[in-house]
Amino acid sequence: MGPTVKSAKRYRDKVQTLGITDARFARIARVDGRTVRRWSSGERKFDGPPEALLDLLLERPELLQLLPD
């Protein structure tokens, strides 16, 4: 399994655990929906600040209430 496949699985697992859609995460992270689809499919590596943001939300899910729907 290559690095982008592993990062795609990490992305999908984290979003699923939070119970948010790709579209919502795109709004929260202020990225284009195409970028999120690329992370989800493994076309683009998921790491750096967007992954740190998901990690923070996993640690403090109550913060989701303060972010865009």
C-alpha atoms as a PDB file:
ATOM      1  CA  MET A   1       0.000   0.000   0.000  1.00  0.00           C
ATOM      2  CA  GLY A   2       1.537   3.315  -1.100  1.00  0.00           C
ATOM      3  CA  PRO A   3       1.732   6.519   0.955  1.00  0.00           C
ATOM      4  CA  THR A   4      -1.232   8.180  -0.755  1.00  0.00           C
ATOM      5  CA  VAL A   5      -3.414   5.097  -0.238  1.00  0.00           C
ATOM      6  CA  LYS A   6      -2.492   5.052   3.456  1.00  0.00           C
ATOM      7  CA  SER A   7      -3.152   8.772   3.819  1.00  0.00           C
ATOM      8  CA  ALA A   8      -6.521   8.375   2.029  1.00  0.00           C
ATOM      9  CA  LYS A   9      -7.531   5.704   4.533  1.00  0.00           C
ATOM     10  CA  ARG A  10      -6.412   7.915   7.427  1.00  0.00           C
ATOM     11  CA  TYR A  11      -8.469  10.797   6.035  1.00  0.00           C
ATOM     12  CA  ARG A  12     -11.596   8.670   5.517  1.00  0.00           C
ATOM     13  CA  ASP A  13     -11.301   7.025   8.942  1.00  0.00           C
ATOM     14  CA  LYS A  14     -10.953  10.364  10.736  1.00  0.00           C
ATOM     15  CA  VAL A  15     -13.841  12.037   8.900  1.00  0.00           C
ATOM     16  CA  GLN A  16     -16.046   8.990   9.504  1.00  0.00           C
ATOM     17  CA  THR A  17     -15.159   8.946  13.213  1.00  0.00           C
ATOM     18  CA  LEU A  18     -16.151  12.616  13.467  1.00  0.00           C
ATOM     19  CA  GLY A  19     -19.365  11.956  11.566  1.00  0.00           C
ATOM     20  CA  ILE A  20     -18.871  14.810   9.116  1.00  0.00           C
ATOM     21  CA  THR A  21     -19.126  14.887   5.351  1.00  0.00           C
ATOM     22  CA  ASP A  22     -16.330  15.653   2.935  1.00  0.00           C
ATOM     23  CA  ALA A  23     -18.203  18.819   1.978  1.00  0.00           C
ATOM     24  CA  ARG A  24     -18.323  19.997   5.582  1.00  0.00           C
ATOM     25  CA  PHE A  25     -14.648  19.312   6.107  1.00  0.00           C
ATOM     26  CA  ALA A  26     -13.872  21.257   2.937  1.00  0.00           C
ATOM     27  CA  ARG A  27     -15.738  24.254   4.403  1.00  0.00           C
ATOM     28  CA  ILE A  28     -14.063  23.878   7.801  1.00  0.00           C
ATOM     29  CA  ALA A  29     -10.569  23.548   6.293  1.00  0.00           C
ATOM     30  CA  ARG A  30     -11.336  26.233   3.686  1.00  0.00           C
ATOM     31  CA  VAL A  31     -10.257  24.059   0.791  1.00  0.00           C
ATOM     32  CA  ASP A  32     -11.912  23.215  -2.491  1.00  0.00           C
ATOM     33  CA  GLY A  33     -14.139  20.154  -2.622  1.00  0.00           C
ATOM     34  CA  ARG A  34     -11.896  18.708  -5.335  1.00  0.00           C
ATOM     35  CA  THR A  35      -8.971  18.753  -2.909  1.00  0.00           C
ATOM     36  CA  VAL A  36     -10.972  16.768  -0.371  1.00  0.00           C
ATOM     37  CA  ARG A  37     -12.017  14.258  -3.051  1.00  0.00           C
ATOM     38  CA  ARG A  38      -8.347  13.848  -3.984  1.00  0.00           C
ATOM     39  CA  TRP A  39      -7.434  13.167  -0.347  1.00  0.00           C
ATOM     40  CA  SER A  40     -10.273  10.682  -0.036  1.00  0.00           C
ATOM     41  CA  SER A  41      -9.349   8.825  -3.221  1.00  0.00           C
ATOM     42  CA  GLY A  42      -5.604   8.779  -2.538  1.00  0.00           C
ATOM     43  CA  GLU A  43      -4.865  10.946  -5.564  1.00  0.00           C
ATOM     44  CA  ARG A  44      -3.294  13.517  -3.245  1.00  0.00           C
ATOM     45  CA  LYS A  45      -1.456  12.899   0.026  1.00  0.00           C
ATOM     46  CA  PHE A  46      -3.360  13.945   3.148  1.00  0.00           C
ATOM     47  CA  ASP A  47      -1.017  15.458   5.738  1.00  0.00           C
ATOM     48  CA  GLY A  48       0.145  18.733   7.244  1.00  0.00           C
ATOM     49  CA  PRO A  49      -2.255  21.383   8.584  1.00  0.00           C
ATOM     50  CA  PRO A  50      -5.489  19.735   7.343  1.00  0.00           C
ATOM     51  CA  GLU A  51      -4.592  16.507   9.113  1.00  0.00           C
ATOM     52  CA  ALA A  52      -3.626  18.428  12.259  1.00  0.00           C
ATOM     53  CA  LEU A  53      -7.037  20.133  12.129  1.00  0.00           C
ATOM     54  CA  LEU A  54      -8.827  16.767  11.964  1.00  0.00           C
ATOM     55  CA  ASP A  55      -6.677  15.480  14.835  1.00  0.00           C
ATOM     56  CA  LEU A  56      -7.646  18.506  16.922  1.00  0.00           C
ATOM     57  CA  LEU A  57     -11.325  17.957  16.152  1.00  0.00           C
ATOM     58  CA  LEU A  58     -10.995  14.308  17.137  1.00  0.00           C
ATOM     59  CA  GLU A  59      -9.511  15.382  20.473  1.00  0.00           C
ATOM     60  CA  ARG A  60     -12.080  18.160  20.991  1.00  0.00           C
ATOM     61  CA  PRO A  61     -15.232  17.228  19.001  1.00  0.00           C
ATOM     62  CA  GLU A  62     -17.236  19.930  20.786  1.00  0.00           C
ATOM     63  CA  LEU A  63     -15.392  22.448  18.608  1.00  0.00           C
ATOM     64  CA  LEU A  64     -17.456  21.242  15.640  1.00  0.00           C
ATOM     65  CA  GLN A  65     -20.381  23.212  17.065  1.00  0.00           C
ATOM     66  CA  LEU A  66     -18.428  26.421  16.478  1.00  0.00           C
ATOM     67  CA  LEU A  67     -17.532  25.657  12.867  1.00  0.00           C
ATOM     68  CA  PRO A  68     -19.518  26.011   9.622  1.00  0.00           C
ATOM     69  CA  ASP A  69     -22.111  23.408   8.728  1.00  0.00           C
END
